[in-house]
Amino acid sequence: MEDLERELGDDFVRSPLPWNAAFLAGKALVTYRRNGGTKASTLPDFYIGAHAAISGLQLLSRDARRFKTSFPSVKLISPN
């Protein structure tokens, strides 16, 4: 873990998930399911998107569509 943190340097910051982000992630998951979403392991993605939205962070993802739909305020960095 120390090697990874040294390689990442000061450009990357880890922070705990704020309670309001956890709540937002749950709401996004419910909306996803009500709209017919069927992927089984989406909650981690919703935690990540909600944390970015609440904290005003940019998000690097190959799955830009999901984040744009659920968290439109998040600035995305995506190769797509």
PDB file of N, CA and C in Angstrom:
ATOM      1  N   MET A   1       0.828  -1.181   0.000  1.00  0.00           N
ATOM      2  CA  MET A   1       0.000   0.000   0.000  1.00  0.00           C
ATOM      3  C   MET A   1       0.881   1.257   0.000  1.00  0.00           C
ATOM      4  N   GLU A   2       1.958   1.201   0.723  1.00  0.00           N
ATOM      5  CA  GLU A   2       2.848   2.361   0.769  1.00  0.00           C
ATOM      6  C   GLU A   2       3.444   2.649  -0.608  1.00  0.00           C
ATOM      7  N   ASP A   3       3.783   1.575  -1.359  1.00  0.00           N
ATOM      8  CA  ASP A   3       4.334   1.759  -2.710  1.00  0.00           C
ATOM      9  C   ASP A   3       3.323   2.466  -3.611  1.00  0.00           C
ATOM     10  N   LEU A   4       2.072   2.050  -3.528  1.00  0.00           N
ATOM     11  CA  LEU A   4       1.025   2.677  -4.331  1.00  0.00           C
ATOM     12  C   LEU A   4       0.868   4.148  -3.967  1.00  0.00           C
ATOM     13  N   GLU A   5       0.791   4.440  -2.695  1.00  0.00           N
ATOM     14  CA  GLU A   5       0.626   5.826  -2.268  1.00  0.00           C
ATOM     15  C   GLU A   5       1.810   6.687  -2.702  1.00  0.00           C
ATOM     16  N   ARG A   6       3.008   6.134  -2.651  1.00  0.00           N
ATOM     17  CA  ARG A   6       4.189   6.864  -3.097  1.00  0.00           C
ATOM     18  C   ARG A   6       4.112   7.138  -4.597  1.00  0.00           C
ATOM     19  N   GLU A   7       3.680   6.155  -5.386  1.00  0.00           N
ATOM     20  CA  GLU A   7       3.551   6.325  -6.839  1.00  0.00           C
ATOM     21  C   GLU A   7       2.478   7.351  -7.202  1.00  0.00           C
ATOM     22  N   LEU A   8       1.381   7.338  -6.480  1.00  0.00           N
ATOM     23  CA  LEU A   8       0.294   8.280  -6.770  1.00  0.00           C
ATOM     24  C   LEU A   8       0.668   9.701  -6.387  1.00  0.00           C
ATOM     25  N   GLY A   9       1.488   9.836  -5.376  1.00  0.00           N
ATOM     26  CA  GLY A   9       1.922  11.165  -4.955  1.00  0.00           C
ATOM     27  C   GLY A   9       0.787  11.997  -4.397  1.00  0.00           C
ATOM     28  N   ASP A  10       0.932  13.298  -4.509  1.00  0.00           N
ATOM     29  CA  ASP A  10      -0.059  14.221  -3.952  1.00  0.00           C
ATOM     30  C   ASP A  10      -1.197  14.536  -4.915  1.00  0.00           C
ATOM     31  N   ASP A  11      -1.168  13.955  -6.132  1.00  0.00           N
ATOM     32  CA  ASP A  11      -2.213  14.236  -7.114  1.00  0.00           C
ATOM     33  C   ASP A  11      -3.519  13.517  -6.796  1.00  0.00           C
ATOM     34  N   PHE A  12      -3.457  12.471  -5.983  1.00  0.00           N
ATOM     35  CA  PHE A  12      -4.640  11.690  -5.660  1.00  0.00           C
ATOM     36  C   PHE A  12      -4.882  11.748  -4.162  1.00  0.00           C
ATOM     37  N   VAL A  13      -6.129  11.966  -3.801  1.00  0.00           N
ATOM     38  CA  VAL A  13      -6.492  12.085  -2.395  1.00  0.00           C
ATOM     39  C   VAL A  13      -7.575  11.054  -2.093  1.00  0.00           C
ATOM     40  N   ARG A  14      -7.385  10.288  -1.041  1.00  0.00           N
ATOM     41  CA  ARG A  14      -8.429   9.376  -0.572  1.00  0.00           C
ATOM     42  C   ARG A  14      -9.173  10.076   0.551  1.00  0.00           C
ATOM     43  N   SER A  15     -10.478   9.977   0.535  1.00  0.00           N
ATOM     44  CA  SER A  15     -11.254  10.586   1.608  1.00  0.00           C
ATOM     45  C   SER A  15     -12.429   9.675   1.945  1.00  0.00           C
ATOM     46  N   PRO A  16     -12.897   9.720   3.187  1.00  0.00           N
ATOM     47  CA  PRO A  16     -14.026   8.877   3.584  1.00  0.00           C
ATOM     48  C   PRO A  16     -15.301   9.309   2.862  1.00  0.00           C
ATOM     49  N   LEU A  17     -16.210   8.369   2.719  1.00  0.00           N
ATOM     50  CA  LEU A  17     -17.491   8.640   2.061  1.00  0.00           C
ATOM     51  C   LEU A  17     -18.389   9.450   2.988  1.00  0.00           C
ATOM     52  N   PRO A  18     -18.750  10.670   2.592  1.00  0.00           N
ATOM     53  CA  PRO A  18     -19.654  11.465   3.434  1.00  0.00           C
ATOM     54  C   PRO A  18     -21.046  10.822   3.518  1.00  0.00           C
ATOM     55  N   TRP A  19     -21.701  10.997   4.654  1.00  0.00           N
ATOM     56  CA  TRP A  19     -23.025  10.414   4.859  1.00  0.00           C
ATOM     57  C   TRP A  19     -24.002  10.849   3.769  1.00  0.00           C
ATOM     58  N   ASN A  20     -23.996  12.128   3.386  1.00  0.00           N
ATOM     59  CA  ASN A  20     -24.950  12.581   2.365  1.00  0.00           C
ATOM     60  C   ASN A  20     -24.631  11.958   1.008  1.00  0.00           C
ATOM     61  N   ALA A  21     -23.388  11.565   0.759  1.00  0.00           N
ATOM     62  CA  ALA A  21     -23.064  10.858  -0.484  1.00  0.00           C
ATOM     63  C   ALA A  21     -23.613   9.436  -0.442  1.00  0.00           C
ATOM     64  N   ALA A  22     -23.543   8.790   0.720  1.00  0.00           N
ATOM     65  CA  ALA A  22     -24.107   7.450   0.856  1.00  0.00           C
ATOM     66  C   ALA A  22     -25.617   7.481   0.604  1.00  0.00           C
ATOM     67  N   PHE A  23     -26.279   8.500   1.135  1.00  0.00           N
ATOM     68  CA  PHE A  23     -27.721   8.649   0.920  1.00  0.00           C
ATOM     69  C   PHE A  23     -28.019   8.865  -0.570  1.00  0.00           C
ATOM     70  N   LEU A  24     -27.255   9.748  -1.220  1.00  0.00           N
ATOM     71  CA  LEU A  24     -27.440  10.018  -2.649  1.00  0.00           C
ATOM     72  C   LEU A  24     -27.196   8.761  -3.480  1.00  0.00           C
ATOM     73  N   ALA A  25     -26.204   7.971  -3.103  1.00  0.00           N
ATOM     74  CA  ALA A  25     -25.920   6.721  -3.818  1.00  0.00           C
ATOM     75  C   ALA A  25     -27.108   5.772  -3.731  1.00  0.00           C
ATOM     76  N   GLY A  26     -27.697   5.673  -2.555  1.00  0.00           N
ATOM     77  CA  GLY A  26     -28.884   4.827  -2.387  1.00  0.00           C
ATOM     78  C   GLY A  26     -30.048   5.294  -3.238  1.00  0.00           C
ATOM     79  N   LYS A  27     -30.259   6.599  -3.281  1.00  0.00           N
ATOM     80  CA  LYS A  27     -31.340   7.142  -4.120  1.00  0.00           C
ATOM     81  C   LYS A  27     -31.078   6.855  -5.596  1.00  0.00           C
ATOM     82  N   ALA A  28     -29.818   7.001  -6.025  1.00  0.00           N
ATOM     83  CA  ALA A  28     -29.475   6.733  -7.430  1.00  0.00           C
ATOM     84  C   ALA A  28     -29.688   5.260  -7.767  1.00  0.00           C
ATOM     85  N   LEU A  29     -29.351   4.379  -6.824  1.00  0.00           N
ATOM     86  CA  LEU A  29     -29.558   2.940  -7.050  1.00  0.00           C
ATOM     87  C   LEU A  29     -31.043   2.617  -7.189  1.00  0.00           C
ATOM     88  N   VAL A  30     -31.869   3.207  -6.334  1.00  0.00           N
ATOM     89  CA  VAL A  30     -33.320   2.980  -6.418  1.00  0.00           C
ATOM     90  C   VAL A  30     -33.851   3.460  -7.772  1.00  0.00           C
ATOM     91  N   THR A  31     -33.435   4.633  -8.200  1.00  0.00           N
ATOM     92  CA  THR A  31     -33.866   5.154  -9.504  1.00  0.00           C
ATOM     93  C   THR A  31     -33.419   4.229 -10.624  1.00  0.00           C
ATOM     94  N   TYR A  32     -32.189   3.763 -10.557  1.00  0.00           N
ATOM     95  CA  TYR A  32     -31.653   2.828 -11.563  1.00  0.00           C
ATOM     96  C   TYR A  32     -32.513   1.571 -11.645  1.00  0.00           C
ATOM     97  N   ARG A  33     -32.835   0.988 -10.499  1.00  0.00           N
ATOM     98  CA  ARG A  33     -33.652  -0.230 -10.484  1.00  0.00           C
ATOM     99  C   ARG A  33     -35.075   0.043 -11.001  1.00  0.00           C
ATOM    100  N   ARG A  34     -35.657   1.156 -10.597  1.00  0.00           N
ATOM    101  CA  ARG A  34     -37.017   1.486 -11.044  1.00  0.00           C
ATOM    102  C   ARG A  34     -37.075   1.734 -12.549  1.00  0.00           C
ATOM    103  N   ASN A  35     -35.949   2.148 -13.129  1.00  0.00           N
ATOM    104  CA  ASN A  35     -35.891   2.364 -14.578  1.00  0.00           C
ATOM    105  C   ASN A  35     -35.461   1.123 -15.335  1.00  0.00           C
ATOM    106  N   GLY A  36     -35.461  -0.018 -14.668  1.00  0.00           N
ATOM    107  CA  GLY A  36     -35.181  -1.278 -15.337  1.00  0.00           C
ATOM    108  C   GLY A  36     -33.732  -1.729 -15.287  1.00  0.00           C
ATOM    109  N   GLY A  37     -32.887  -1.057 -14.542  1.00  0.00           N
ATOM    110  CA  GLY A  37     -31.486  -1.457 -14.430  1.00  0.00           C
ATOM    111  C   GLY A  37     -31.362  -2.831 -13.801  1.00  0.00           C
ATOM    112  N   THR A  38     -30.520  -3.671 -14.385  1.00  0.00           N
ATOM    113  CA  THR A  38     -30.426  -5.046 -13.914  1.00  0.00           C
ATOM    114  C   THR A  38     -29.029  -5.485 -13.475  1.00  0.00           C
ATOM    115  N   LYS A  39     -28.016  -4.652 -13.691  1.00  0.00           N
ATOM    116  CA  LYS A  39     -26.673  -5.053 -13.276  1.00  0.00           C
ATOM    117  C   LYS A  39     -26.662  -5.267 -11.763  1.00  0.00           C
ATOM    118  N   ALA A  40     -25.972  -6.328 -11.329  1.00  0.00           N
ATOM    119  CA  ALA A  40     -26.018  -6.718  -9.921  1.00  0.00           C
ATOM    120  C   ALA A  40     -25.059  -5.933  -9.030  1.00  0.00           C
ATOM    121  N   SER A  41     -23.954  -5.485  -9.545  1.00  0.00           N
ATOM    122  CA  SER A  41     -22.931  -4.878  -8.673  1.00  0.00           C
ATOM    123  C   SER A  41     -22.761  -3.390  -8.944  1.00  0.00           C
ATOM    124  N   THR A  42     -23.841  -2.663  -8.969  1.00  0.00           N
ATOM    125  CA  THR A  42     -23.783  -1.244  -9.302  1.00  0.00           C
ATOM    126  C   THR A  42     -23.577  -0.330  -8.100  1.00  0.00           C
ATOM    127  N   LEU A  43     -23.886  -0.792  -6.897  1.00  0.00           N
ATOM    128  CA  LEU A  43     -23.811   0.094  -5.746  1.00  0.00           C
ATOM    129  C   LEU A  43     -22.431   0.726  -5.563  1.00  0.00           C
ATOM    130  N   PRO A  44     -21.323   0.007  -5.733  1.00  0.00           N
ATOM    131  CA  PRO A  44     -20.019   0.688  -5.630  1.00  0.00           C
ATOM    132  C   PRO A  44     -19.874   1.846  -6.619  1.00  0.00           C
ATOM    133  N   ASP A  45     -20.359   1.680  -7.835  1.00  0.00           N
ATOM    134  CA  ASP A  45     -20.303   2.775  -8.811  1.00  0.00           C
ATOM    135  C   ASP A  45     -21.135   3.966  -8.342  1.00  0.00           C
ATOM    136  N   PHE A  46     -22.285   3.696  -7.749  1.00  0.00           N
ATOM    137  CA  PHE A  46     -23.122   4.780  -7.258  1.00  0.00           C
ATOM    138  C   PHE A  46     -22.469   5.474  -6.067  1.00  0.00           C
ATOM    139  N   TYR A  47     -21.786   4.731  -5.201  1.00  0.00           N
ATOM    140  CA  TYR A  47     -21.024   5.360  -4.112  1.00  0.00           C
ATOM    141  C   TYR A  47     -19.968   6.298  -4.679  1.00  0.00           C
ATOM    142  N   ILE A  48     -19.249   5.839  -5.687  1.00  0.00           N
ATOM    143  CA  ILE A  48     -18.187   6.646  -6.288  1.00  0.00           C
ATOM    144  C   ILE A  48     -18.766   7.907  -6.935  1.00  0.00           C
ATOM    145  N   GLY A  49     -19.826   7.751  -7.722  1.00  0.00           N
ATOM    146  CA  GLY A  49     -20.455   8.896  -8.382  1.00  0.00           C
ATOM    147  C   GLY A  49     -21.027   9.894  -7.392  1.00  0.00           C
ATOM    148  N   ALA A  50     -21.685   9.398  -6.357  1.00  0.00           N
ATOM    149  CA  ALA A  50     -22.271  10.280  -5.353  1.00  0.00           C
ATOM    150  C   ALA A  50     -21.187  11.019  -4.574  1.00  0.00           C
ATOM    151  N   HIS A  51     -20.116  10.320  -4.250  1.00  0.00           N
ATOM    152  CA  HIS A  51     -19.014  10.969  -3.535  1.00  0.00           C
ATOM    153  C   HIS A  51     -18.434  12.100  -4.381  1.00  0.00           C
ATOM    154  N   ALA A  52     -18.255  11.856  -5.666  1.00  0.00           N
ATOM    155  CA  ALA A  52     -17.750  12.901  -6.562  1.00  0.00           C
ATOM    156  C   ALA A  52     -18.725  14.073  -6.631  1.00  0.00           C
ATOM    157  N   ALA A  53     -20.015  13.773  -6.712  1.00  0.00           N
ATOM    158  CA  ALA A  53     -21.027  14.836  -6.814  1.00  0.00           C
ATOM    159  C   ALA A  53     -21.062  15.690  -5.551  1.00  0.00           C
ATOM    160  N   ILE A  54     -21.085  15.066  -4.399  1.00  0.00           N
ATOM    161  CA  ILE A  54     -21.177  15.783  -3.133  1.00  0.00           C
ATOM    162  C   ILE A  54     -19.898  16.580  -2.852  1.00  0.00           C
ATOM    163  N   SER A  55     -18.755  16.011  -3.231  1.00  0.00           N
ATOM    164  CA  SER A  55     -17.466  16.624  -2.904  1.00  0.00           C
ATOM    165  C   SER A  55     -16.927  17.539  -3.995  1.00  0.00           C
ATOM    166  N   GLY A  56     -17.647  17.638  -5.127  1.00  0.00           N
ATOM    167  CA  GLY A  56     -17.195  18.494  -6.218  1.00  0.00           C
ATOM    168  C   GLY A  56     -15.934  17.982  -6.893  1.00  0.00           C
ATOM    169  N   LEU A  57     -15.812  16.662  -7.002  1.00  0.00           N
ATOM    170  CA  LEU A  57     -14.633  16.042  -7.593  1.00  0.00           C
ATOM    171  C   LEU A  57     -14.866  15.658  -9.044  1.00  0.00           C
ATOM    172  N   GLN A  58     -13.807  15.586  -9.815  1.00  0.00           N
ATOM    173  CA  GLN A  58     -13.863  15.044 -11.166  1.00  0.00           C
ATOM    174  C   GLN A  58     -13.785  13.531 -11.061  1.00  0.00           C
ATOM    175  N   LEU A  59     -14.278  12.845 -12.088  1.00  0.00           N
ATOM    176  CA  LEU A  59     -14.308  11.394 -12.053  1.00  0.00           C
ATOM    177  C   LEU A  59     -13.744  10.835 -13.344  1.00  0.00           C
ATOM    178  N   LEU A  60     -12.814   9.913 -13.221  1.00  0.00           N
ATOM    179  CA  LEU A  60     -12.242   9.208 -14.355  1.00  0.00           C
ATOM    180  C   LEU A  60     -12.964   7.881 -14.489  1.00  0.00           C
ATOM    181  N   SER A  61     -13.586   7.629 -15.652  1.00  0.00           N
ATOM    182  CA  SER A  61     -14.353   6.399 -15.836  1.00  0.00           C
ATOM    183  C   SER A  61     -14.452   6.023 -17.311  1.00  0.00           C
ATOM    184  N   ARG A  62     -14.499   4.713 -17.556  1.00  0.00           N
ATOM    185  CA  ARG A  62     -14.776   4.229 -18.910  1.00  0.00           C
ATOM    186  C   ARG A  62     -16.275   4.087 -19.134  1.00  0.00           C
ATOM    187  N   ASP A  63     -17.076   4.205 -18.073  1.00  0.00           N
ATOM    188  CA  ASP A  63     -18.528   4.065 -18.156  1.00  0.00           C
ATOM    189  C   ASP A  63     -19.193   5.421 -17.932  1.00  0.00           C
ATOM    190  N   ALA A  64     -18.903   6.353 -18.821  1.00  0.00           N
ATOM    191  CA  ALA A  64     -19.384   7.728 -18.656  1.00  0.00           C
ATOM    192  C   ALA A  64     -20.910   7.810 -18.679  1.00  0.00           C
ATOM    193  N   ARG A  65     -21.564   6.983 -19.458  1.00  0.00           N
ATOM    194  CA  ARG A  65     -23.019   7.077 -19.588  1.00  0.00           C
ATOM    195  C   ARG A  65     -23.732   6.916 -18.253  1.00  0.00           C
ATOM    196  N   ARG A  66     -23.328   5.928 -17.473  1.00  0.00           N
ATOM    197  CA  ARG A  66     -23.982   5.702 -16.184  1.00  0.00           C
ATOM    198  C   ARG A  66     -23.823   6.913 -15.273  1.00  0.00           C
ATOM    199  N   PHE A  67     -22.633   7.458 -15.231  1.00  0.00           N
ATOM    200  CA  PHE A  67     -22.392   8.589 -14.345  1.00  0.00           C
ATOM    201  C   PHE A  67     -23.097   9.846 -14.844  1.00  0.00           C
ATOM    202  N   LYS A  68     -23.135  10.059 -16.158  1.00  0.00           N
ATOM    203  CA  LYS A  68     -23.829  11.229 -16.704  1.00  0.00           C
ATOM    204  C   LYS A  68     -25.318  11.175 -16.377  1.00  0.00           C
ATOM    205  N   THR A  69     -25.883   9.980 -16.435  1.00  0.00           N
ATOM    206  CA  THR A  69     -27.308   9.810 -16.167  1.00  0.00           C
ATOM    207  C   THR A  69     -27.627  10.025 -14.695  1.00  0.00           C
ATOM    208  N   SER A  70     -26.861   9.414 -13.817  1.00  0.00           N
ATOM    209  CA  SER A  70     -27.167   9.447 -12.391  1.00  0.00           C
ATOM    210  C   SER A  70     -26.607  10.665 -11.666  1.00  0.00           C
ATOM    211  N   PHE A  71     -25.504  11.208 -12.163  1.00  0.00           N
ATOM    212  CA  PHE A  71     -24.835  12.318 -11.490  1.00  0.00           C
ATOM    213  C   PHE A  71     -24.410  13.364 -12.521  1.00  0.00           C
ATOM    214  N   PRO A  72     -25.366  14.077 -13.101  1.00  0.00           N
ATOM    215  CA  PRO A  72     -25.056  15.001 -14.192  1.00  0.00           C
ATOM    216  C   PRO A  72     -24.143  16.159 -13.798  1.00  0.00           C
ATOM    217  N   SER A  73     -24.046  16.465 -12.512  1.00  0.00           N
ATOM    218  CA  SER A  73     -23.184  17.582 -12.097  1.00  0.00           C
ATOM    219  C   SER A  73     -21.705  17.209 -12.044  1.00  0.00           C
ATOM    220  N   VAL A  74     -21.397  15.927 -12.131  1.00  0.00           N
ATOM    221  CA  VAL A  74     -20.008  15.478 -12.008  1.00  0.00           C
ATOM    222  C   VAL A  74     -19.286  15.675 -13.335  1.00  0.00           C
ATOM    223  N   LYS A  75     -18.124  16.326 -13.278  1.00  0.00           N
ATOM    224  CA  LYS A  75     -17.290  16.475 -14.468  1.00  0.00           C
ATOM    225  C   LYS A  75     -16.575  15.159 -14.706  1.00  0.00           C
ATOM    226  N   LEU A  76     -16.764  14.599 -15.899  1.00  0.00           N
ATOM    227  CA  LEU A  76     -16.204  13.296 -16.231  1.00  0.00           C
ATOM    228  C   LEU A  76     -14.981  13.415 -17.120  1.00  0.00           C
ATOM    229  N   ILE A  77     -14.029  12.562 -16.855  1.00  0.00           N
ATOM    230  CA  ILE A  77     -12.873  12.374 -17.723  1.00  0.00           C
ATOM    231  C   ILE A  77     -13.036  10.954 -18.255  1.00  0.00           C
ATOM    232  N   SER A  78     -13.257  10.835 -19.556  1.00  0.00           N
ATOM    233  CA  SER A  78     -13.557   9.527 -20.120  1.00  0.00           C
ATOM    234  C   SER A  78     -12.962   9.396 -21.512  1.00  0.00           C
ATOM    235  N   PRO A  79     -12.425   8.216 -21.828  1.00  0.00           N
ATOM    236  CA  PRO A  79     -11.888   8.012 -23.172  1.00  0.00           C
ATOM    237  C   PRO A  79     -12.977   7.869 -24.228  1.00  0.00           C
ATOM    238  N   ASN A  80     -14.232   7.691 -23.798  1.00  0.00           N
ATOM    239  CA  ASN A  80     -15.342   7.485 -24.753  1.00  0.00           C
ATOM    240  C   ASN A  80     -15.924   8.809 -25.190  1.00  0.00           C
TER     241      ASN A  80
END
